[in-house]
Amino acid sequence: MRLKPIYSMTGYGQNSAQLSSGAKIHIELRSVNSRFLDIAFRLPEELRGAEAAMRQSITQTLRRGKIDCRAVFEAPQSAPAMPDASAAAPLLAFDTALRALAPHLAPLSVGEVLRFIGSAQEDHADAAEIAQVASLATQQALTALVAARALEGDRLRTLLLDRIEQIGRYAARAREIVPLAVERQQARFTARWEEALAALTGAETSVETLNDRRLQEAASFAIRIDVAEELDRLQAHLQTLRDLLAQGGELGKRLDFLIQELHREANTLGSKSAALELSEIALELKVLIEQMREQVQNIE
């Protein structure tokens, strides 16, 4: 059965598109993990008006992640045109009028006049076309970004399933050890109890009553160190994780909750461990669960 995709929040995508004037727009998208969708733009002045259209394309595609959108506007290559001297007339008239009011002001330099002429003659592409082409380039870059995030998501799924299997094996081993550990601890408890009884002198309580109390305490002690319920819940959480990873989609927050539950069961297992083997297993479980937690933080 083909598994449905899951998506990492780490990825990269880029695309370029061309305007009718020959100018080109280059879009680069980088994403890393974040609790929410956080978009940061680095745009040249020519594309400031296209930011809203680009943002809409991103928000319609992505749900979570810190997105860095970098754009470059590449003007068309053309032979430099001779300056049109008549274009400077309004500027020179304004300069003359201004210096009549403020004679201390210096006249405009040739360089300043030429920059004004160049700005006036610059062929700016239509703002609507820029927004449309920038949005198209963003959508194509998003397609590449989503594909990269899906590829990374497959890698994360493989890693998580491997950790799930390892945890399952440790849990099965713990289930084998628990009855023997409980039996050993009960025997030790009984031995210490009998030593305490032997030390009593002149006690008024009957031996039968003390033996009954011993059995009650031994049973209570066995319950306190029995971790069968914790192991049952651990296995149930592992199966839920397998089901979610097969289901695909936006899983990050649900996976994070289940990882917390796994950690809670591992902590309880460690605190109730009645044998060195169980303590070692609990430690291994915590290491594997922490590895899973780090990876789950990166899933959308």
C-alpha atoms as a PDB file:
ATOM      1  CA  MET A   1       0.000   0.000   0.000  1.00  0.00           C
ATOM      2  CA  ARG A   2       1.360   3.426  -0.961  1.00  0.00           C
ATOM      3  CA  LEU A   3       1.757   5.638   2.079  1.00  0.00           C
ATOM      4  CA  LYS A   4       0.275   9.103   1.998  1.00  0.00           C
ATOM      5  CA  PRO A   5       2.890  11.869   2.156  1.00  0.00           C
ATOM      6  CA  ILE A   6       3.891  13.717   5.272  1.00  0.00           C
ATOM      7  CA  TYR A   7       5.728  17.012   5.040  1.00  0.00           C
ATOM      8  CA  SER A   8       8.812  18.300   6.747  1.00  0.00           C
ATOM      9  CA  MET A   9       8.971  22.015   7.416  1.00  0.00           C
ATOM     10  CA  THR A  10      12.507  22.129   5.986  1.00  0.00           C
ATOM     11  CA  GLY A  11      12.887  22.680   2.260  1.00  0.00           C
ATOM     12  CA  TYR A  12      14.062  24.853  -0.611  1.00  0.00           C
ATOM     13  CA  GLY A  13      12.515  25.897  -3.918  1.00  0.00           C
ATOM     14  CA  GLN A  14      13.295  28.422  -6.632  1.00  0.00           C
ATOM     15  CA  ASN A  15      11.938  29.628  -9.948  1.00  0.00           C
ATOM     16  CA  SER A  16      12.383  32.401 -12.506  1.00  0.00           C
ATOM     17  CA  ALA A  17       9.876  34.118 -14.790  1.00  0.00           C
ATOM     18  CA  GLN A  18      10.176  36.768 -17.482  1.00  0.00           C
ATOM     19  CA  LEU A  19       8.169  39.922 -18.113  1.00  0.00           C
ATOM     20  CA  SER A  20       7.115  41.098 -21.557  1.00  0.00           C
ATOM     21  CA  SER A  21       9.785  43.804 -21.334  1.00  0.00           C
ATOM     22  CA  GLY A  22      12.464  41.126 -21.028  1.00  0.00           C
ATOM     23  CA  ALA A  23      13.054  41.761 -17.321  1.00  0.00           C
ATOM     24  CA  LYS A  24      13.343  38.639 -15.155  1.00  0.00           C
ATOM     25  CA  ILE A  25      12.116  37.842 -11.663  1.00  0.00           C
ATOM     26  CA  HIS A  26      13.977  35.232  -9.606  1.00  0.00           C
ATOM     27  CA  ILE A  27      12.286  33.765  -6.515  1.00  0.00           C
ATOM     28  CA  GLU A  28      13.969  31.686  -3.789  1.00  0.00           C
ATOM     29  CA  LEU A  29      12.026  30.094  -0.926  1.00  0.00           C
ATOM     30  CA  ARG A  30      13.621  28.524   2.143  1.00  0.00           C
ATOM     31  CA  SER A  31      11.667  27.043   5.028  1.00  0.00           C
ATOM     32  CA  VAL A  32      12.522  25.788   8.500  1.00  0.00           C
ATOM     33  CA  ASN A  33      10.370  24.573  11.361  1.00  0.00           C
ATOM     34  CA  SER A  34       8.076  26.929  13.257  1.00  0.00           C
ATOM     35  CA  ARG A  35       4.918  26.513  15.329  1.00  0.00           C
ATOM     36  CA  PHE A  36       3.028  28.792  12.952  1.00  0.00           C
ATOM     37  CA  LEU A  37       3.344  30.140   9.404  1.00  0.00           C
ATOM     38  CA  ASP A  38       5.845  33.002   9.524  1.00  0.00           C
ATOM     39  CA  ILE A  39       6.793  34.652   6.210  1.00  0.00           C
ATOM     40  CA  ALA A  40       9.700  37.069   5.778  1.00  0.00           C
ATOM     41  CA  PHE A  41      10.224  38.871   2.448  1.00  0.00           C
ATOM     42  CA  ARG A  42      13.435  40.323   1.033  1.00  0.00           C
ATOM     43  CA  LEU A  43      12.293  42.156  -2.080  1.00  0.00           C
ATOM     44  CA  PRO A  44      13.864  44.789  -4.350  1.00  0.00           C
ATOM     45  CA  GLU A  45      12.014  48.051  -4.808  1.00  0.00           C
ATOM     46  CA  GLU A  46      10.600  46.888  -8.182  1.00  0.00           C
ATOM     47  CA  LEU A  47       8.711  44.041  -6.469  1.00  0.00           C
ATOM     48  CA  ARG A  48       7.368  45.811  -3.383  1.00  0.00           C
ATOM     49  CA  GLY A  49       3.974  46.137  -5.008  1.00  0.00           C
ATOM     50  CA  ALA A  50       3.867  42.376  -5.677  1.00  0.00           C
ATOM     51  CA  GLU A  51       4.344  41.348  -2.036  1.00  0.00           C
ATOM     52  CA  ALA A  52       0.614  40.923  -1.329  1.00  0.00           C
ATOM     53  CA  ALA A  53       0.126  38.595  -4.317  1.00  0.00           C
ATOM     54  CA  MET A  54       3.220  36.593  -3.374  1.00  0.00           C
ATOM     55  CA  ARG A  55       2.103  36.305   0.251  1.00  0.00           C
ATOM     56  CA  GLN A  56      -1.316  35.058  -0.847  1.00  0.00           C
ATOM     57  CA  SER A  57       0.291  32.318  -2.960  1.00  0.00           C
ATOM     58  CA  ILE A  58       2.329  31.137   0.033  1.00  0.00           C
ATOM     59  CA  THR A  59      -0.510  31.195   2.576  1.00  0.00           C
ATOM     60  CA  GLN A  60      -2.764  29.236   0.227  1.00  0.00           C
ATOM     61  CA  THR A  61      -0.163  26.453  -0.023  1.00  0.00           C
ATOM     62  CA  LEU A  62       1.594  26.203   3.358  1.00  0.00           C
ATOM     63  CA  ARG A  63       0.256  25.914   6.911  1.00  0.00           C
ATOM     64  CA  ARG A  64       3.345  25.941   9.124  1.00  0.00           C
ATOM     65  CA  GLY A  65       6.994  26.893   8.895  1.00  0.00           C
ATOM     66  CA  LYS A  66       9.239  29.945   8.883  1.00  0.00           C
ATOM     67  CA  ILE A  67       9.465  30.956   5.222  1.00  0.00           C
ATOM     68  CA  ASP A  68      12.223  33.184   3.879  1.00  0.00           C
ATOM     69  CA  CYS A  69      11.269  34.583   0.460  1.00  0.00           C
ATOM     70  CA  ARG A  70      14.080  36.275  -1.445  1.00  0.00           C
ATOM     71  CA  ALA A  71      13.455  37.875  -4.837  1.00  0.00           C
ATOM     72  CA  VAL A  72      15.708  39.455  -7.462  1.00  0.00           C
ATOM     73  CA  PHE A  73      14.537  41.761 -10.259  1.00  0.00           C
ATOM     74  CA  GLU A  74      16.843  41.609 -13.282  1.00  0.00           C
ATOM     75  CA  ALA A  75      16.347  44.482 -15.722  1.00  0.00           C
ATOM     76  CA  PRO A  76      16.577  43.669 -19.456  1.00  0.00           C
ATOM     77  CA  GLN A  77      19.940  44.128 -21.145  1.00  0.00           C
ATOM     78  CA  SER A  78      19.774  46.956 -23.691  1.00  0.00           C
ATOM     79  CA  ALA A  79      22.072  49.503 -25.278  1.00  0.00           C
ATOM     80  CA  PRO A  80      22.242  52.727 -23.279  1.00  0.00           C
ATOM     81  CA  ALA A  81      20.065  55.466 -24.749  1.00  0.00           C
ATOM     82  CA  MET A  82      21.272  59.046 -25.256  1.00  0.00           C
ATOM     83  CA  PRO A  83      19.854  61.359 -22.610  1.00  0.00           C
ATOM     84  CA  ASP A  84      16.955  63.521 -23.742  1.00  0.00           C
ATOM     85  CA  ALA A  85      17.962  67.042 -22.838  1.00  0.00           C
ATOM     86  CA  SER A  86      14.375  68.272 -23.029  1.00  0.00           C
ATOM     87  CA  ALA A  87      13.499  65.956 -20.124  1.00  0.00           C
ATOM     88  CA  ALA A  88      15.662  68.129 -17.887  1.00  0.00           C
ATOM     89  CA  ALA A  89      13.675  71.314 -18.596  1.00  0.00           C
ATOM     90  CA  PRO A  90      11.213  70.937 -15.673  1.00  0.00           C
ATOM     91  CA  LEU A  91      14.050  70.177 -13.264  1.00  0.00           C
ATOM     92  CA  LEU A  92      16.145  73.149 -14.423  1.00  0.00           C
ATOM     93  CA  ALA A  93      13.148  75.476 -14.162  1.00  0.00           C
ATOM     94  CA  PHE A  94      12.488  74.239 -10.624  1.00  0.00           C
ATOM     95  CA  ASP A  95      16.177  74.687  -9.742  1.00  0.00           C
ATOM     96  CA  THR A  96      16.136  78.282 -11.014  1.00  0.00           C
ATOM     97  CA  ALA A  97      12.986  79.124  -9.055  1.00  0.00           C
ATOM     98  CA  LEU A  98      14.331  77.492  -5.898  1.00  0.00           C
ATOM     99  CA  ARG A  99      17.631  79.407  -6.013  1.00  0.00           C
ATOM    100  CA  ALA A 100      15.712  82.644  -6.548  1.00  0.00           C
ATOM    101  CA  LEU A 101      14.110  82.030  -3.159  1.00  0.00           C
ATOM    102  CA  ALA A 102      17.312  80.703  -1.566  1.00  0.00           C
ATOM    103  CA  PRO A 103      20.343  82.187  -3.356  1.00  0.00           C
ATOM    104  CA  HIS A 104      22.767  80.371  -1.054  1.00  0.00           C
ATOM    105  CA  LEU A 105      21.831  77.010  -2.576  1.00  0.00           C
ATOM    106  CA  ALA A 106      24.293  75.513  -5.047  1.00  0.00           C
ATOM    107  CA  PRO A 107      23.035  74.826  -8.581  1.00  0.00           C
ATOM    108  CA  LEU A 108      22.416  71.271  -9.678  1.00  0.00           C
ATOM    109  CA  SER A 109      25.418  69.360 -10.948  1.00  0.00           C
ATOM    110  CA  VAL A 110      25.539  67.672 -14.362  1.00  0.00           C
ATOM    111  CA  GLY A 111      25.499  64.272 -12.642  1.00  0.00           C
ATOM    112  CA  GLU A 112      22.323  65.113 -10.724  1.00  0.00           C
ATOM    113  CA  VAL A 113      20.610  66.286 -13.902  1.00  0.00           C
ATOM    114  CA  LEU A 114      21.620  63.117 -15.770  1.00  0.00           C
ATOM    115  CA  ARG A 115      20.306  60.915 -12.942  1.00  0.00           C
ATOM    116  CA  PHE A 116      16.977  62.732 -13.129  1.00  0.00           C
ATOM    117  CA  ILE A 117      16.785  62.249 -16.890  1.00  0.00           C
ATOM    118  CA  GLY A 118      17.632  58.555 -16.541  1.00  0.00           C
ATOM    119  CA  SER A 119      14.939  58.084 -13.934  1.00  0.00           C
ATOM    120  CA  ALA A 120      12.376  59.870 -16.072  1.00  0.00           C
ATOM    121  CA  GLN A 121      13.235  57.773 -19.116  1.00  0.00           C
ATOM    122  CA  GLU A 122      13.376  54.419 -17.296  1.00  0.00           C
ATOM    123  CA  ASP A 123      10.915  51.963 -18.774  1.00  0.00           C
ATOM    124  CA  HIS A 124       9.057  50.524 -15.792  1.00  0.00           C
ATOM    125  CA  ALA A 125       6.995  47.417 -16.428  1.00  0.00           C
ATOM    126  CA  ASP A 126       3.323  47.590 -15.684  1.00  0.00           C
ATOM    127  CA  ALA A 127       2.690  47.048 -11.942  1.00  0.00           C
ATOM    128  CA  ALA A 128      -0.132  44.566 -12.601  1.00  0.00           C
ATOM    129  CA  GLU A 129       2.111  42.474 -14.862  1.00  0.00           C
ATOM    130  CA  ILE A 130       4.895  42.488 -12.275  1.00  0.00           C
ATOM    131  CA  ALA A 131       2.498  41.266  -9.579  1.00  0.00           C
ATOM    132  CA  GLN A 132       1.111  38.559 -11.873  1.00  0.00           C
ATOM    133  CA  VAL A 133       4.513  37.275 -12.985  1.00  0.00           C
ATOM    134  CA  ALA A 134       5.939  37.447  -9.444  1.00  0.00           C
ATOM    135  CA  SER A 135       2.961  35.463  -8.161  1.00  0.00           C
ATOM    136  CA  LEU A 136       3.436  32.855 -10.908  1.00  0.00           C
ATOM    137  CA  ALA A 137       7.150  32.519 -10.128  1.00  0.00           C
ATOM    138  CA  THR A 138       6.300  32.191  -6.432  1.00  0.00           C
ATOM    139  CA  GLN A 139       3.791  29.417  -7.140  1.00  0.00           C
ATOM    140  CA  GLN A 140       6.353  27.498  -9.190  1.00  0.00           C
ATOM    141  CA  ALA A 141       8.952  27.929  -6.441  1.00  0.00           C
ATOM    142  CA  LEU A 142       6.345  26.685  -3.960  1.00  0.00           C
ATOM    143  CA  THR A 143       5.835  23.544  -6.047  1.00  0.00           C
ATOM    144  CA  ALA A 144       9.561  22.811  -5.773  1.00  0.00           C
ATOM    145  CA  LEU A 145       9.547  23.656  -2.057  1.00  0.00           C
ATOM    146  CA  VAL A 146       6.615  21.336  -1.316  1.00  0.00           C
ATOM    147  CA  ALA A 147       8.305  18.519  -3.254  1.00  0.00           C
ATOM    148  CA  ALA A 148      11.474  19.013  -1.189  1.00  0.00           C
ATOM    149  CA  ARG A 149       9.458  19.046   2.034  1.00  0.00           C
ATOM    150  CA  ALA A 150       7.689  15.828   1.019  1.00  0.00           C
ATOM    151  CA  LEU A 151      11.026  14.154   0.272  1.00  0.00           C
ATOM    152  CA  GLU A 152      12.361  15.169   3.673  1.00  0.00           C
ATOM    153  CA  GLY A 153       9.068  14.036   5.218  1.00  0.00           C
ATOM    154  CA  ASP A 154       9.568  10.539   3.801  1.00  0.00           C
ATOM    155  CA  ARG A 155      13.018  10.445   5.374  1.00  0.00           C
ATOM    156  CA  LEU A 156      11.587  11.509   8.732  1.00  0.00           C
ATOM    157  CA  ARG A 157       8.854   8.868   8.513  1.00  0.00           C
ATOM    158  CA  THR A 158      11.459   6.146   7.913  1.00  0.00           C
ATOM    159  CA  LEU A 159      13.495   7.377  10.868  1.00  0.00           C
ATOM    160  CA  LEU A 160      10.457   7.529  13.171  1.00  0.00           C
ATOM    161  CA  LEU A 161       9.250   4.057  12.178  1.00  0.00           C
ATOM    162  CA  ASP A 162      12.714   2.698  12.919  1.00  0.00           C
ATOM    163  CA  ARG A 163      12.651   4.275  16.394  1.00  0.00           C
ATOM    164  CA  ILE A 164       9.145   2.918  16.974  1.00  0.00           C
ATOM    165  CA  GLU A 165      10.330  -0.601  16.202  1.00  0.00           C
ATOM    166  CA  GLN A 166      13.296  -0.224  18.541  1.00  0.00           C
ATOM    167  CA  ILE A 167      11.066   1.027  21.348  1.00  0.00           C
ATOM    168  CA  GLY A 168       8.684  -1.876  20.716  1.00  0.00           C
ATOM    169  CA  ARG A 169      11.523  -4.366  21.082  1.00  0.00           C
ATOM    170  CA  TYR A 170      12.666  -2.793  24.343  1.00  0.00           C
ATOM    171  CA  ALA A 171       9.083  -2.835  25.640  1.00  0.00           C
ATOM    172  CA  ALA A 172       8.737  -6.530  24.756  1.00  0.00           C
ATOM    173  CA  ARG A 173      11.980  -7.241  26.582  1.00  0.00           C
ATOM    174  CA  ALA A 174      10.735  -5.324  29.626  1.00  0.00           C
ATOM    175  CA  ARG A 175       7.509  -7.338  29.612  1.00  0.00           C
ATOM    176  CA  GLU A 176       9.576 -10.528  29.833  1.00  0.00           C
ATOM    177  CA  ILE A 177      11.647  -9.182  32.713  1.00  0.00           C
ATOM    178  CA  VAL A 178       8.828  -7.748  34.845  1.00  0.00           C
ATOM    179  CA  PRO A 179       7.408 -11.030  36.300  1.00  0.00           C
ATOM    180  CA  LEU A 180      10.879 -12.239  37.257  1.00  0.00           C
ATOM    181  CA  ALA A 181      11.778  -8.864  38.746  1.00  0.00           C
ATOM    182  CA  VAL A 182       8.559  -8.744  40.781  1.00  0.00           C
ATOM    183  CA  GLU A 183       9.159 -12.282  42.025  1.00  0.00           C
ATOM    184  CA  ARG A 184      12.721 -11.444  43.078  1.00  0.00           C
ATOM    185  CA  GLN A 185      11.650  -8.286  44.864  1.00  0.00           C
ATOM    186  CA  GLN A 186       8.858 -10.105  46.694  1.00  0.00           C
ATOM    187  CA  ALA A 187      11.359 -12.723  47.856  1.00  0.00           C
ATOM    188  CA  ARG A 188      13.693 -10.012  49.123  1.00  0.00           C
ATOM    189  CA  PHE A 189      10.820  -8.263  50.850  1.00  0.00           C
ATOM    190  CA  THR A 190       9.746 -11.502  52.527  1.00  0.00           C
ATOM    191  CA  ALA A 191      13.304 -12.215  53.682  1.00  0.00           C
ATOM    192  CA  ARG A 192      13.647  -8.766  55.225  1.00  0.00           C
ATOM    193  CA  TRP A 193      10.241  -9.119  56.861  1.00  0.00           C
ATOM    194  CA  GLU A 194      11.179 -12.426  58.421  1.00  0.00           C
ATOM    195  CA  GLU A 195      14.447 -10.966  59.673  1.00  0.00           C
ATOM    196  CA  ALA A 196      12.479  -8.192  61.330  1.00  0.00           C
ATOM    197  CA  LEU A 197      10.102 -10.726  62.915  1.00  0.00           C
ATOM    198  CA  ALA A 198      12.990 -12.750  64.253  1.00  0.00           C
ATOM    199  CA  ALA A 199      14.330  -9.639  65.950  1.00  0.00           C
ATOM    200  CA  LEU A 200      11.055  -9.022  67.786  1.00  0.00           C
ATOM    201  CA  THR A 201      10.945 -10.130  71.389  1.00  0.00           C
ATOM    202  CA  GLY A 202       7.894 -10.086  73.596  1.00  0.00           C
ATOM    203  CA  ALA A 203       5.627  -8.949  70.816  1.00  0.00           C
ATOM    204  CA  GLU A 204       1.975  -9.318  71.657  1.00  0.00           C
ATOM    205  CA  THR A 205       0.832  -9.663  68.044  1.00  0.00           C
ATOM    206  CA  SER A 206       0.255 -13.257  66.967  1.00  0.00           C
ATOM    207  CA  VAL A 207       2.382 -14.906  64.303  1.00  0.00           C
ATOM    208  CA  GLU A 208      -0.712 -15.496  62.176  1.00  0.00           C
ATOM    209  CA  THR A 209      -1.583 -11.798  62.213  1.00  0.00           C
ATOM    210  CA  LEU A 210       1.965 -10.839  61.307  1.00  0.00           C
ATOM    211  CA  ASN A 211       1.993 -13.334  58.441  1.00  0.00           C
ATOM    212  CA  ASP A 212      -1.274 -11.920  57.111  1.00  0.00           C
ATOM    213  CA  ARG A 213       0.191  -8.449  57.276  1.00  0.00           C
ATOM    214  CA  ARG A 214       3.319  -9.684  55.507  1.00  0.00           C
ATOM    215  CA  LEU A 215       1.260 -11.080  52.630  1.00  0.00           C
ATOM    216  CA  GLN A 216      -0.699  -7.840  52.337  1.00  0.00           C
ATOM    217  CA  GLU A 217       2.460  -5.739  52.282  1.00  0.00           C
ATOM    218  CA  ALA A 218       4.119  -8.063  49.766  1.00  0.00           C
ATOM    219  CA  ALA A 219       1.094  -7.860  47.470  1.00  0.00           C
ATOM    220  CA  SER A 220       0.972  -4.068  47.803  1.00  0.00           C
ATOM    221  CA  PHE A 221       4.686  -3.841  47.037  1.00  0.00           C
ATOM    222  CA  ALA A 222       4.263  -6.030  43.960  1.00  0.00           C
ATOM    223  CA  ILE A 223       1.527  -3.734  42.669  1.00  0.00           C
ATOM    224  CA  ARG A 224       3.713  -0.666  43.156  1.00  0.00           C
ATOM    225  CA  ILE A 225       6.567  -2.101  41.099  1.00  0.00           C
ATOM    226  CA  ASP A 226       4.447  -3.789  38.407  1.00  0.00           C
ATOM    227  CA  VAL A 227       4.733  -1.801  35.157  1.00  0.00           C
ATOM    228  CA  ALA A 228       2.424  -3.914  32.996  1.00  0.00           C
ATOM    229  CA  GLU A 229      -0.071  -1.051  32.604  1.00  0.00           C
ATOM    230  CA  GLU A 230       2.662   1.366  31.565  1.00  0.00           C
ATOM    231  CA  LEU A 231       3.901  -1.112  28.965  1.00  0.00           C
ATOM    232  CA  ASP A 232       0.351  -1.596  27.667  1.00  0.00           C
ATOM    233  CA  ARG A 233      -0.094   2.155  27.235  1.00  0.00           C
ATOM    234  CA  LEU A 234       3.336   2.417  25.639  1.00  0.00           C
ATOM    235  CA  GLN A 235       2.420  -0.209  23.035  1.00  0.00           C
ATOM    236  CA  ALA A 236      -0.911   1.527  22.382  1.00  0.00           C
ATOM    237  CA  HIS A 237       0.852   4.850  21.751  1.00  0.00           C
ATOM    238  CA  LEU A 238       3.306   3.151  19.397  1.00  0.00           C
ATOM    239  CA  GLN A 239       0.461   1.695  17.355  1.00  0.00           C
ATOM    240  CA  THR A 240      -1.239   5.099  17.180  1.00  0.00           C
ATOM    241  CA  LEU A 241       2.024   6.580  15.921  1.00  0.00           C
ATOM    242  CA  ARG A 242       2.249   3.929  13.203  1.00  0.00           C
ATOM    243  CA  ASP A 243      -1.334   4.653  12.137  1.00  0.00           C
ATOM    244  CA  LEU A 244      -0.732   8.407  11.985  1.00  0.00           C
ATOM    245  CA  LEU A 245       2.468   8.037   9.976  1.00  0.00           C
ATOM    246  CA  ALA A 246       0.596   5.865   7.476  1.00  0.00           C
ATOM    247  CA  GLN A 247      -2.290   8.337   7.383  1.00  0.00           C
ATOM    248  CA  GLY A 248      -0.078  11.267   6.343  1.00  0.00           C
ATOM    249  CA  GLY A 249      -1.131  14.897   6.162  1.00  0.00           C
ATOM    250  CA  GLU A 250      -0.605  17.550   8.825  1.00  0.00           C
ATOM    251  CA  LEU A 251       0.535  15.437  11.769  1.00  0.00           C
ATOM    252  CA  GLY A 252       3.090  17.526  13.625  1.00  0.00           C
ATOM    253  CA  LYS A 253       1.013  18.604  16.616  1.00  0.00           C
ATOM    254  CA  ARG A 254      -0.613  15.187  17.130  1.00  0.00           C
ATOM    255  CA  LEU A 255       2.746  13.444  16.886  1.00  0.00           C
ATOM    256  CA  ASP A 256       4.206  15.886  19.389  1.00  0.00           C
ATOM    257  CA  PHE A 257       1.424  15.065  21.879  1.00  0.00           C
ATOM    258  CA  LEU A 258       2.025  11.326  21.525  1.00  0.00           C
ATOM    259  CA  ILE A 259       5.759  11.781  22.030  1.00  0.00           C
ATOM    260  CA  GLN A 260       4.978  13.515  25.319  1.00  0.00           C
ATOM    261  CA  GLU A 261       2.822  10.549  26.332  1.00  0.00           C
ATOM    262  CA  LEU A 262       5.625   8.120  25.460  1.00  0.00           C
ATOM    263  CA  HIS A 263       8.027  10.149  27.563  1.00  0.00           C
ATOM    264  CA  ARG A 264       5.618  10.056  30.507  1.00  0.00           C
ATOM    265  CA  GLU A 265       5.336   6.256  30.348  1.00  0.00           C
ATOM    266  CA  ALA A 266       9.118   5.872  30.075  1.00  0.00           C
ATOM    267  CA  ASN A 267       9.594   8.089  33.137  1.00  0.00           C
ATOM    268  CA  THR A 268       7.080   6.030  35.120  1.00  0.00           C
ATOM    269  CA  LEU A 269       8.766   2.824  34.004  1.00  0.00           C
ATOM    270  CA  GLY A 270      12.091   4.170  35.229  1.00  0.00           C
ATOM    271  CA  SER A 271      10.729   5.300  38.595  1.00  0.00           C
ATOM    272  CA  LYS A 272       9.008   1.951  39.244  1.00  0.00           C
ATOM    273  CA  SER A 273      11.867  -0.220  38.003  1.00  0.00           C
ATOM    274  CA  ALA A 274      12.516  -3.082  40.406  1.00  0.00           C
ATOM    275  CA  ALA A 275      15.562  -4.373  38.550  1.00  0.00           C
ATOM    276  CA  LEU A 276      18.690  -2.964  36.968  1.00  0.00           C
ATOM    277  CA  GLU A 277      17.632  -4.390  33.592  1.00  0.00           C
ATOM    278  CA  LEU A 278      14.390  -2.383  33.680  1.00  0.00           C
ATOM    279  CA  SER A 279      16.239   0.807  34.649  1.00  0.00           C
ATOM    280  CA  GLU A 280      18.557   0.328  31.676  1.00  0.00           C
ATOM    281  CA  ILE A 281      15.601  -0.267  29.362  1.00  0.00           C
ATOM    282  CA  ALA A 282      13.873   2.878  30.655  1.00  0.00           C
ATOM    283  CA  LEU A 283      17.031   4.875  29.925  1.00  0.00           C
ATOM    284  CA  GLU A 284      17.246   3.501  26.366  1.00  0.00           C
ATOM    285  CA  LEU A 285      13.577   4.335  25.830  1.00  0.00           C
ATOM    286  CA  LYS A 286      14.146   7.934  26.900  1.00  0.00           C
ATOM    287  CA  VAL A 287      17.048   8.292  24.460  1.00  0.00           C
ATOM    288  CA  LEU A 288      14.977   6.950  21.549  1.00  0.00           C
ATOM    289  CA  ILE A 289      11.942   9.050  22.475  1.00  0.00           C
ATOM    290  CA  GLU A 290      14.085  12.190  22.656  1.00  0.00           C
ATOM    291  CA  GLN A 291      15.423  11.430  19.174  1.00  0.00           C
ATOM    292  CA  MET A 292      11.842  11.139  17.952  1.00  0.00           C
ATOM    293  CA  ARG A 293      10.842  14.385  19.652  1.00  0.00           C
ATOM    294  CA  GLU A 294      13.613  16.294  17.871  1.00  0.00           C
ATOM    295  CA  GLN A 295      12.470  14.981  14.482  1.00  0.00           C
ATOM    296  CA  VAL A 296       8.751  15.456  15.128  1.00  0.00           C
ATOM    297  CA  GLN A 297       9.385  19.177  15.760  1.00  0.00           C
ATOM    298  CA  ASN A 298      10.183  19.425  12.042  1.00  0.00           C
ATOM    299  CA  ILE A 299       6.964  17.819  10.743  1.00  0.00           C
ATOM    300  CA  GLU A 300       4.148  20.027   9.494  1.00  0.00           C
END
